[in-house]
Amino acid sequence: LIETYPNILVLQTLSKAFGLAGIRCGFAIGYDDIIQLMNNVKAPYNVNKLTSEVAINAMKNISTLEKNIKVLLDQRKVVAKELEEMDFVIKVYPSDSNFLLVRLKKLSKDVYKHMADNGIVVRYRGSELHCKECLRITIGTEKENKACLQLLTKTYKELAAATTNC
């Protein structure tokens, strides 16, 4: 991509695919002059030695990256399919990322708050343009995804029942 477009800068984190969200590290790929401009304004030693070593080791271990990507893609399909089967989900939007945008029939903000209060954080997106009643659900491990979907179902049913009983 950068060979075709010299003004493009590609940014990549080591978070999801590398399984290293905790080190808070990423990198940039671009033409030398763009990278030099970035180096001119960055703080010296802005990445500590431990983070740097972990990142370098991750970049050398592409088989782990490939395995993580496969798990993520497989789990995204599973989660999307399960969400599509839920009667309170209007739409699961197509995704090429590590999350799904989901539109609920109603109560998305309350669902978001209740789930967060119960230890699983999805992102409320209902305030964004064209995202009325939408939640952003990050794809995790199989265990995390099952817990998220179970809590989502339980929460929606409880909240829907409470609003119809009022």
N, C-alpha and C. Protein backbone atom coordinates (compact mmCIF):
# COMPACT_ATOMS: atom_id res chain seq x y z
N LEU A 1 0.83 -1.20 0.00
CA LEU A 1 0.00 0.00 0.00
C LEU A 1 0.87 1.26 0.00
N ILE A 2 1.89 1.28 0.86
CA ILE A 2 2.73 2.49 0.90
C ILE A 2 3.60 2.62 -0.35
N GLU A 3 3.85 1.51 -1.04
CA GLU A 3 4.61 1.59 -2.28
C GLU A 3 3.81 2.28 -3.37
N THR A 4 2.48 2.14 -3.31
CA THR A 4 1.60 2.77 -4.29
C THR A 4 1.27 4.21 -3.91
N TYR A 5 1.11 4.45 -2.61
CA TYR A 5 0.72 5.77 -2.11
C TYR A 5 1.76 6.28 -1.11
N PRO A 6 2.71 7.09 -1.56
CA PRO A 6 3.80 7.52 -0.68
C PRO A 6 3.35 8.41 0.48
N ASN A 7 2.15 8.95 0.42
CA ASN A 7 1.67 9.81 1.50
C ASN A 7 0.84 9.03 2.54
N ILE A 8 0.78 7.72 2.42
CA ILE A 8 0.02 6.88 3.36
C ILE A 8 0.92 6.45 4.51
N LEU A 9 0.35 6.44 5.69
CA LEU A 9 1.02 5.93 6.87
C LEU A 9 0.14 4.82 7.44
N VAL A 10 0.68 3.64 7.61
CA VAL A 10 -0.07 2.51 8.15
C VAL A 10 0.30 2.35 9.62
N LEU A 11 -0.73 2.36 10.48
CA LEU A 11 -0.52 2.19 11.91
C LEU A 11 -1.07 0.83 12.34
N GLN A 12 -0.35 0.14 13.20
CA GLN A 12 -0.75 -1.19 13.67
C GLN A 12 -0.43 -1.31 15.15
N THR A 13 -1.39 -1.78 15.92
CA THR A 13 -1.11 -2.06 17.33
C THR A 13 -0.75 -3.53 17.46
N LEU A 14 -0.23 -3.88 18.60
CA LEU A 14 0.05 -5.28 18.90
C LEU A 14 -1.04 -5.86 19.80
N SER A 15 -2.17 -5.16 19.90
CA SER A 15 -3.20 -5.51 20.85
C SER A 15 -3.88 -6.83 20.57
N LYS A 16 -4.84 -6.84 19.66
CA LYS A 16 -5.71 -8.01 19.52
C LYS A 16 -5.01 -9.18 18.82
N ALA A 17 -4.56 -8.96 17.62
CA ALA A 17 -4.00 -10.08 16.84
C ALA A 17 -2.75 -10.66 17.48
N PHE A 18 -1.93 -9.81 18.07
CA PHE A 18 -0.73 -10.31 18.73
C PHE A 18 -1.00 -10.73 20.17
N GLY A 19 -2.19 -10.39 20.68
CA GLY A 19 -2.54 -10.75 22.05
C GLY A 19 -1.76 -9.97 23.09
N LEU A 20 -1.39 -8.74 22.76
CA LEU A 20 -0.53 -7.95 23.65
C LEU A 20 -1.13 -6.58 23.98
N ALA A 21 -2.41 -6.52 24.25
CA ALA A 21 -3.04 -5.24 24.57
C ALA A 21 -2.39 -4.59 25.78
N GLY A 22 -1.94 -5.39 26.72
CA GLY A 22 -1.39 -4.87 27.96
C GLY A 22 -0.10 -4.09 27.81
N ILE A 23 0.65 -4.31 26.73
CA ILE A 23 1.91 -3.57 26.60
C ILE A 23 1.71 -2.21 25.93
N ARG A 24 0.55 -1.96 25.39
CA ARG A 24 0.23 -0.66 24.79
C ARG A 24 1.31 -0.22 23.80
N CYS A 25 1.51 -1.04 22.78
CA CYS A 25 2.56 -0.74 21.82
C CYS A 25 2.03 -0.96 20.40
N GLY A 26 2.53 -0.16 19.50
CA GLY A 26 2.19 -0.30 18.10
C GLY A 26 3.35 0.20 17.26
N PHE A 27 3.14 0.23 15.96
CA PHE A 27 4.19 0.70 15.08
C PHE A 27 3.58 1.36 13.85
N ALA A 28 4.41 2.07 13.13
CA ALA A 28 3.99 2.76 11.91
C ALA A 28 4.86 2.29 10.75
N ILE A 29 4.23 2.16 9.60
CA ILE A 29 4.94 1.81 8.38
C ILE A 29 4.66 2.91 7.37
N GLY A 30 5.72 3.47 6.82
CA GLY A 30 5.54 4.55 5.86
C GLY A 30 6.86 4.91 5.20
N TYR A 31 6.79 5.88 4.33
CA TYR A 31 8.01 6.36 3.68
C TYR A 31 8.93 6.99 4.71
N ASP A 32 10.23 6.94 4.43
CA ASP A 32 11.25 7.43 5.36
C ASP A 32 11.00 8.87 5.80
N ASP A 33 10.58 9.74 4.86
CA ASP A 33 10.41 11.15 5.23
C ASP A 33 9.25 11.33 6.21
N ILE A 34 8.20 10.54 6.09
CA ILE A 34 7.07 10.63 7.02
C ILE A 34 7.49 10.09 8.39
N ILE A 35 8.18 8.96 8.39
CA ILE A 35 8.66 8.38 9.66
C ILE A 35 9.61 9.36 10.34
N GLN A 36 10.46 10.02 9.57
CA GLN A 36 11.40 10.99 10.15
C GLN A 36 10.65 12.15 10.82
N LEU A 37 9.58 12.62 10.18
CA LEU A 37 8.78 13.69 10.79
C LEU A 37 8.20 13.23 12.13
N MET A 38 7.75 12.00 12.20
CA MET A 38 7.21 11.46 13.45
C MET A 38 8.32 11.36 14.50
N ASN A 39 9.49 10.88 14.10
CA ASN A 39 10.62 10.77 15.04
C ASN A 39 11.06 12.13 15.57
N ASN A 40 10.91 13.17 14.75
CA ASN A 40 11.30 14.51 15.17
C ASN A 40 10.44 15.05 16.31
N VAL A 41 9.21 14.57 16.43
CA VAL A 41 8.31 15.13 17.45
C VAL A 41 8.02 14.17 18.60
N LYS A 42 8.47 12.96 18.51
CA LYS A 42 8.22 12.01 19.60
C LYS A 42 9.19 12.24 20.75
N ALA A 43 8.75 11.85 21.93
CA ALA A 43 9.63 11.96 23.09
C ALA A 43 10.77 10.94 22.97
N PRO A 44 11.96 11.29 23.45
CA PRO A 44 13.04 10.30 23.43
C PRO A 44 12.72 9.15 24.38
N TYR A 45 13.09 7.96 23.99
CA TYR A 45 12.86 6.76 24.80
C TYR A 45 11.38 6.62 25.18
N ASN A 46 10.50 6.81 24.21
CA ASN A 46 9.07 6.76 24.49
C ASN A 46 8.54 5.33 24.65
N VAL A 47 9.37 4.33 24.41
CA VAL A 47 9.00 2.94 24.64
C VAL A 47 10.04 2.34 25.58
N ASN A 48 9.57 1.77 26.69
CA ASN A 48 10.53 1.21 27.65
C ASN A 48 11.14 -0.08 27.12
N LYS A 49 12.24 -0.49 27.71
CA LYS A 49 13.01 -1.65 27.25
C LYS A 49 12.20 -2.94 27.28
N LEU A 50 11.44 -3.17 28.35
CA LEU A 50 10.65 -4.39 28.48
C LEU A 50 9.59 -4.46 27.37
N THR A 51 8.86 -3.36 27.16
CA THR A 51 7.85 -3.31 26.11
C THR A 51 8.49 -3.55 24.75
N SER A 52 9.63 -2.92 24.53
CA SER A 52 10.34 -3.06 23.26
C SER A 52 10.74 -4.52 23.01
N GLU A 53 11.26 -5.19 24.02
CA GLU A 53 11.67 -6.59 23.88
C GLU A 53 10.48 -7.50 23.60
N VAL A 54 9.38 -7.27 24.31
CA VAL A 54 8.17 -8.07 24.09
C VAL A 54 7.65 -7.86 22.67
N ALA A 55 7.63 -6.62 22.22
CA ALA A 55 7.15 -6.31 20.88
C ALA A 55 8.03 -6.96 19.80
N ILE A 56 9.33 -6.87 19.97
CA ILE A 56 10.26 -7.47 19.00
C ILE A 56 10.07 -8.98 18.95
N ASN A 57 9.94 -9.61 20.10
CA ASN A 57 9.70 -11.07 20.14
C ASN A 57 8.39 -11.44 19.46
N ALA A 58 7.36 -10.62 19.66
CA ALA A 58 6.07 -10.88 19.02
C ALA A 58 6.20 -10.81 17.50
N MET A 59 6.94 -9.83 17.02
CA MET A 59 7.10 -9.68 15.57
C MET A 59 7.87 -10.84 14.95
N LYS A 60 8.67 -11.51 15.76
CA LYS A 60 9.42 -12.67 15.28
C LYS A 60 8.59 -13.95 15.32
N ASN A 61 7.46 -13.92 16.01
CA ASN A 61 6.65 -15.11 16.20
C ASN A 61 5.33 -14.98 15.42
N ILE A 62 5.44 -15.01 14.11
CA ILE A 62 4.30 -14.81 13.23
C ILE A 62 3.29 -15.97 13.35
N SER A 63 3.73 -17.15 13.74
CA SER A 63 2.80 -18.27 13.88
C SER A 63 1.76 -17.98 14.97
N THR A 64 2.15 -17.31 16.04
CA THR A 64 1.20 -16.92 17.09
C THR A 64 0.21 -15.89 16.54
N LEU A 65 0.71 -14.95 15.78
CA LEU A 65 -0.16 -13.96 15.14
C LEU A 65 -1.20 -14.65 14.27
N GLU A 66 -0.75 -15.57 13.43
CA GLU A 66 -1.67 -16.27 12.52
C GLU A 66 -2.71 -17.07 13.29
N LYS A 67 -2.30 -17.71 14.38
CA LYS A 67 -3.22 -18.48 15.22
C LYS A 67 -4.25 -17.54 15.86
N ASN A 68 -3.80 -16.43 16.40
CA ASN A 68 -4.71 -15.47 17.03
C ASN A 68 -5.72 -14.91 16.04
N ILE A 69 -5.26 -14.62 14.83
CA ILE A 69 -6.17 -14.09 13.80
C ILE A 69 -7.21 -15.13 13.45
N LYS A 70 -6.80 -16.38 13.30
CA LYS A 70 -7.76 -17.45 12.98
C LYS A 70 -8.82 -17.58 14.07
N VAL A 71 -8.38 -17.58 15.34
CA VAL A 71 -9.33 -17.68 16.45
C VAL A 71 -10.29 -16.50 16.42
N LEU A 72 -9.76 -15.30 16.22
CA LEU A 72 -10.61 -14.11 16.17
C LEU A 72 -11.64 -14.20 15.05
N LEU A 73 -11.21 -14.58 13.86
CA LEU A 73 -12.12 -14.67 12.72
C LEU A 73 -13.18 -15.75 12.95
N ASP A 74 -12.76 -16.89 13.47
CA ASP A 74 -13.71 -17.97 13.77
C ASP A 74 -14.72 -17.52 14.82
N GLN A 75 -14.24 -16.89 15.88
CA GLN A 75 -15.12 -16.44 16.95
C GLN A 75 -16.06 -15.33 16.47
N ARG A 76 -15.58 -14.47 15.59
CA ARG A 76 -16.45 -13.41 15.06
C ARG A 76 -17.63 -14.01 14.31
N LYS A 77 -17.38 -15.07 13.55
CA LYS A 77 -18.47 -15.75 12.84
C LYS A 77 -19.47 -16.37 13.82
N VAL A 78 -18.95 -17.03 14.84
CA VAL A 78 -19.80 -17.68 15.85
C VAL A 78 -20.66 -16.64 16.56
N VAL A 79 -20.04 -15.56 17.00
CA VAL A 79 -20.76 -14.52 17.74
C VAL A 79 -21.81 -13.86 16.84
N ALA A 80 -21.43 -13.56 15.61
CA ALA A 80 -22.38 -12.94 14.67
C ALA A 80 -23.59 -13.84 14.45
N LYS A 81 -23.35 -15.12 14.26
CA LYS A 81 -24.45 -16.07 14.04
C LYS A 81 -25.37 -16.13 15.25
N GLU A 82 -24.80 -16.19 16.44
CA GLU A 82 -25.62 -16.24 17.65
C GLU A 82 -26.41 -14.95 17.84
N LEU A 83 -25.79 -13.83 17.56
CA LEU A 83 -26.50 -12.55 17.68
C LEU A 83 -27.65 -12.46 16.68
N GLU A 84 -27.42 -12.93 15.46
CA GLU A 84 -28.46 -12.90 14.43
C GLU A 84 -29.67 -13.74 14.80
N GLU A 85 -29.48 -14.74 15.64
CA GLU A 85 -30.58 -15.61 16.07
C GLU A 85 -31.36 -15.05 17.25
N MET A 86 -30.87 -13.97 17.86
CA MET A 86 -31.56 -13.37 19.01
C MET A 86 -32.73 -12.51 18.52
N ASP A 87 -33.90 -12.73 19.10
CA ASP A 87 -35.10 -12.03 18.62
C ASP A 87 -35.09 -10.53 18.90
N PHE A 88 -34.25 -10.07 19.80
CA PHE A 88 -34.19 -8.64 20.11
C PHE A 88 -33.09 -7.91 19.33
N VAL A 89 -32.36 -8.63 18.50
CA VAL A 89 -31.32 -8.03 17.66
C VAL A 89 -31.92 -7.78 16.28
N ILE A 90 -31.92 -6.52 15.88
CA ILE A 90 -32.46 -6.14 14.57
C ILE A 90 -31.44 -6.41 13.47
N LYS A 91 -30.18 -6.06 13.74
CA LYS A 91 -29.16 -6.19 12.70
C LYS A 91 -27.78 -6.38 13.31
N VAL A 92 -27.00 -7.24 12.69
CA VAL A 92 -25.58 -7.39 12.98
C VAL A 92 -24.87 -6.89 11.72
N TYR A 93 -24.14 -5.80 11.85
CA TYR A 93 -23.50 -5.20 10.69
C TYR A 93 -22.26 -5.98 10.29
N PRO A 94 -21.98 -6.07 8.99
CA PRO A 94 -20.77 -6.76 8.53
C PRO A 94 -19.52 -6.12 9.15
N SER A 95 -18.51 -6.94 9.38
CA SER A 95 -17.30 -6.43 10.04
C SER A 95 -16.06 -7.12 9.51
N ASP A 96 -15.01 -6.34 9.36
CA ASP A 96 -13.69 -6.87 9.04
C ASP A 96 -12.74 -6.63 10.20
N SER A 97 -13.28 -6.30 11.36
CA SER A 97 -12.46 -5.94 12.51
C SER A 97 -12.66 -6.92 13.67
N ASN A 98 -12.19 -6.53 14.83
CA ASN A 98 -12.27 -7.39 16.01
C ASN A 98 -13.52 -7.07 16.85
N PHE A 99 -14.51 -6.46 16.24
CA PHE A 99 -15.75 -6.18 16.94
C PHE A 99 -16.92 -6.24 15.97
N LEU A 100 -18.13 -6.33 16.55
CA LEU A 100 -19.36 -6.31 15.77
C LEU A 100 -20.21 -5.14 16.24
N LEU A 101 -20.83 -4.45 15.31
CA LEU A 101 -21.81 -3.43 15.62
C LEU A 101 -23.18 -4.07 15.50
N VAL A 102 -23.97 -3.94 16.57
CA VAL A 102 -25.24 -4.65 16.67
C VAL A 102 -26.34 -3.66 17.01
N ARG A 103 -27.46 -3.71 16.29
CA ARG A 103 -28.61 -2.86 16.59
C ARG A 103 -29.66 -3.69 17.31
N LEU A 104 -30.05 -3.22 18.50
CA LEU A 104 -31.10 -3.86 19.27
C LEU A 104 -32.45 -3.21 18.97
N LYS A 105 -33.54 -3.90 19.30
CA LYS A 105 -34.87 -3.32 19.11
C LYS A 105 -35.05 -2.08 19.97
N LYS A 106 -34.56 -2.14 21.21
CA LYS A 106 -34.69 -1.03 22.15
C LYS A 106 -33.75 -1.29 23.32
N LEU A 107 -33.67 -0.35 24.24
CA LEU A 107 -32.98 -0.51 25.52
C LEU A 107 -31.46 -0.64 25.44
N SER A 108 -30.85 -0.28 24.33
CA SER A 108 -29.40 -0.52 24.19
C SER A 108 -28.59 0.22 25.25
N LYS A 109 -28.96 1.44 25.60
CA LYS A 109 -28.19 2.18 26.60
C LYS A 109 -28.33 1.52 27.97
N ASP A 110 -29.52 1.08 28.31
CA ASP A 110 -29.73 0.39 29.58
C ASP A 110 -29.00 -0.95 29.60
N VAL A 111 -29.01 -1.65 28.49
CA VAL A 111 -28.29 -2.93 28.39
C VAL A 111 -26.80 -2.69 28.62
N TYR A 112 -26.27 -1.68 27.95
CA TYR A 112 -24.85 -1.33 28.10
C TYR A 112 -24.50 -1.07 29.57
N LYS A 113 -25.29 -0.24 30.23
CA LYS A 113 -25.03 0.10 31.63
C LYS A 113 -25.12 -1.13 32.54
N HIS A 114 -26.14 -1.92 32.35
CA HIS A 114 -26.35 -3.11 33.20
C HIS A 114 -25.22 -4.12 33.00
N MET A 115 -24.81 -4.32 31.76
CA MET A 115 -23.73 -5.26 31.49
C MET A 115 -22.43 -4.77 32.11
N ALA A 116 -22.15 -3.47 32.00
CA ALA A 116 -20.93 -2.92 32.61
C ALA A 116 -20.96 -3.10 34.13
N ASP A 117 -22.12 -2.87 34.71
CA ASP A 117 -22.28 -3.06 36.17
C ASP A 117 -22.07 -4.51 36.58
N ASN A 118 -22.22 -5.42 35.63
CA ASN A 118 -22.06 -6.84 35.90
C ASN A 118 -20.76 -7.42 35.33
N GLY A 119 -19.82 -6.54 35.01
CA GLY A 119 -18.47 -6.98 34.68
C GLY A 119 -18.14 -7.22 33.23
N ILE A 120 -19.08 -6.97 32.33
CA ILE A 120 -18.78 -7.14 30.90
C ILE A 120 -19.08 -5.84 30.19
N VAL A 121 -18.05 -5.27 29.59
CA VAL A 121 -18.19 -3.97 28.95
C VAL A 121 -18.35 -4.13 27.45
N VAL A 122 -19.51 -3.71 26.96
CA VAL A 122 -19.72 -3.50 25.54
C VAL A 122 -19.75 -1.98 25.38
N ARG A 123 -19.68 -1.49 24.19
CA ARG A 123 -19.66 -0.04 23.98
C ARG A 123 -21.00 0.43 23.44
N TYR A 124 -21.57 1.42 24.09
CA TYR A 124 -22.81 2.03 23.62
C TYR A 124 -22.48 2.97 22.47
N ARG A 125 -23.14 2.79 21.35
CA ARG A 125 -22.90 3.64 20.18
C ARG A 125 -24.17 4.35 19.73
N GLY A 126 -25.21 4.30 20.53
CA GLY A 126 -26.50 4.89 20.17
C GLY A 126 -26.47 6.39 19.96
N SER A 127 -25.45 7.07 20.43
CA SER A 127 -25.34 8.53 20.25
C SER A 127 -24.67 8.89 18.93
N GLU A 128 -24.09 7.91 18.26
CA GLU A 128 -23.40 8.17 17.00
C GLU A 128 -24.41 8.24 15.84
N LEU A 129 -24.07 9.01 14.81
CA LEU A 129 -24.92 9.17 13.64
C LEU A 129 -25.24 7.80 13.02
N HIS A 130 -26.49 7.53 12.77
CA HIS A 130 -26.98 6.29 12.14
C HIS A 130 -26.80 5.04 13.01
N CYS A 131 -26.55 5.23 14.30
CA CYS A 131 -26.31 4.08 15.17
C CYS A 131 -27.33 3.99 16.31
N LYS A 132 -28.54 4.44 16.06
CA LYS A 132 -29.58 4.38 17.08
C LYS A 132 -29.72 2.94 17.59
N GLU A 133 -29.71 2.79 18.92
CA GLU A 133 -29.86 1.49 19.60
C GLU A 133 -28.73 0.51 19.28
N CYS A 134 -27.55 1.02 18.96
CA CYS A 134 -26.42 0.14 18.61
C CYS A 134 -25.44 -0.05 19.77
N LEU A 135 -24.89 -1.25 19.82
CA LEU A 135 -23.82 -1.61 20.73
C LEU A 135 -22.65 -2.13 19.91
N ARG A 136 -21.45 -1.87 20.39
CA ARG A 136 -20.24 -2.41 19.78
C ARG A 136 -19.73 -3.51 20.70
N ILE A 137 -19.66 -4.72 20.16
CA ILE A 137 -19.26 -5.88 20.95
C ILE A 137 -17.92 -6.38 20.45
N THR A 138 -16.92 -6.32 21.31
CA THR A 138 -15.58 -6.77 20.95
C THR A 138 -15.51 -8.29 21.01
N ILE A 139 -14.84 -8.88 20.04
CA ILE A 139 -14.68 -10.33 19.99
C ILE A 139 -13.52 -10.72 20.90
N GLY A 140 -13.77 -11.67 21.77
CA GLY A 140 -12.75 -12.16 22.69
C GLY A 140 -12.51 -13.64 22.49
N THR A 141 -12.16 -14.30 23.57
CA THR A 141 -11.98 -15.75 23.53
C THR A 141 -13.36 -16.41 23.50
N GLU A 142 -13.38 -17.69 23.22
CA GLU A 142 -14.65 -18.42 23.21
C GLU A 142 -15.37 -18.26 24.55
N LYS A 143 -14.63 -18.40 25.64
CA LYS A 143 -15.21 -18.28 26.98
C LYS A 143 -15.76 -16.88 27.22
N GLU A 144 -14.98 -15.86 26.86
CA GLU A 144 -15.43 -14.47 27.03
C GLU A 144 -16.67 -14.18 26.19
N ASN A 145 -16.67 -14.68 24.96
CA ASN A 145 -17.81 -14.44 24.07
C ASN A 145 -19.08 -15.10 24.60
N LYS A 146 -18.95 -16.33 25.10
CA LYS A 146 -20.12 -17.02 25.67
C LYS A 146 -20.68 -16.24 26.85
N ALA A 147 -19.78 -15.78 27.73
CA ALA A 147 -20.22 -15.01 28.90
C ALA A 147 -20.91 -13.72 28.46
N CYS A 148 -20.36 -13.06 27.47
CA CYS A 148 -20.95 -11.82 26.96
C CYS A 148 -22.34 -12.07 26.39
N LEU A 149 -22.48 -13.08 25.56
CA LEU A 149 -23.76 -13.38 24.93
C LEU A 149 -24.80 -13.81 25.96
N GLN A 150 -24.38 -14.59 26.95
CA GLN A 150 -25.30 -15.00 28.01
C GLN A 150 -25.79 -13.79 28.80
N LEU A 151 -24.88 -12.91 29.17
CA LEU A 151 -25.27 -11.72 29.92
C LEU A 151 -26.13 -10.79 29.07
N LEU A 152 -25.80 -10.66 27.81
CA LEU A 152 -26.60 -9.82 26.90
C LEU A 152 -28.04 -10.32 26.86
N THR A 153 -28.21 -11.61 26.67
CA THR A 153 -29.56 -12.20 26.60
C THR A 153 -30.31 -12.01 27.91
N LYS A 154 -29.65 -12.35 29.01
CA LYS A 154 -30.27 -12.23 30.34
C LYS A 154 -30.65 -10.78 30.62
N THR A 155 -29.74 -9.87 30.35
CA THR A 155 -29.97 -8.45 30.62
C THR A 155 -31.13 -7.92 29.80
N TYR A 156 -31.12 -8.22 28.51
CA TYR A 156 -32.19 -7.69 27.65
C TYR A 156 -33.55 -8.21 28.11
N LYS A 157 -33.62 -9.49 28.38
CA LYS A 157 -34.90 -10.08 28.80
C LYS A 157 -35.39 -9.46 30.11
N GLU A 158 -34.48 -9.27 31.07
CA GLU A 158 -34.87 -8.68 32.35
C GLU A 158 -35.34 -7.23 32.17
N LEU A 159 -34.60 -6.47 31.39
CA LEU A 159 -34.96 -5.07 31.18
C LEU A 159 -36.26 -4.93 30.38
N ALA A 160 -36.41 -5.77 29.38
CA ALA A 160 -37.64 -5.73 28.57
C ALA A 160 -38.86 -6.10 29.42
N ALA A 161 -38.71 -7.12 30.27
CA ALA A 161 -39.80 -7.53 31.16
C ALA A 161 -40.15 -6.41 32.14
N ALA A 162 -39.13 -5.74 32.66
CA ALA A 162 -39.37 -4.65 33.63
C ALA A 162 -40.09 -3.48 32.99
N THR A 163 -39.80 -3.18 31.73
CA THR A 163 -40.44 -2.05 31.07
C THR A 163 -41.87 -2.39 30.67
N THR A 164 -42.18 -3.65 30.40
CA THR A 164 -43.55 -4.02 30.05
C THR A 164 -44.42 -4.17 31.29
N ASN A 165 -43.79 -4.38 32.45
CA ASN A 165 -44.54 -4.52 33.71
C ASN A 165 -44.85 -3.19 34.37
N CYS A 166 -44.29 -2.11 33.83
CA CYS A 166 -44.51 -0.78 34.44
C CYS A 166 -45.85 -0.20 34.09
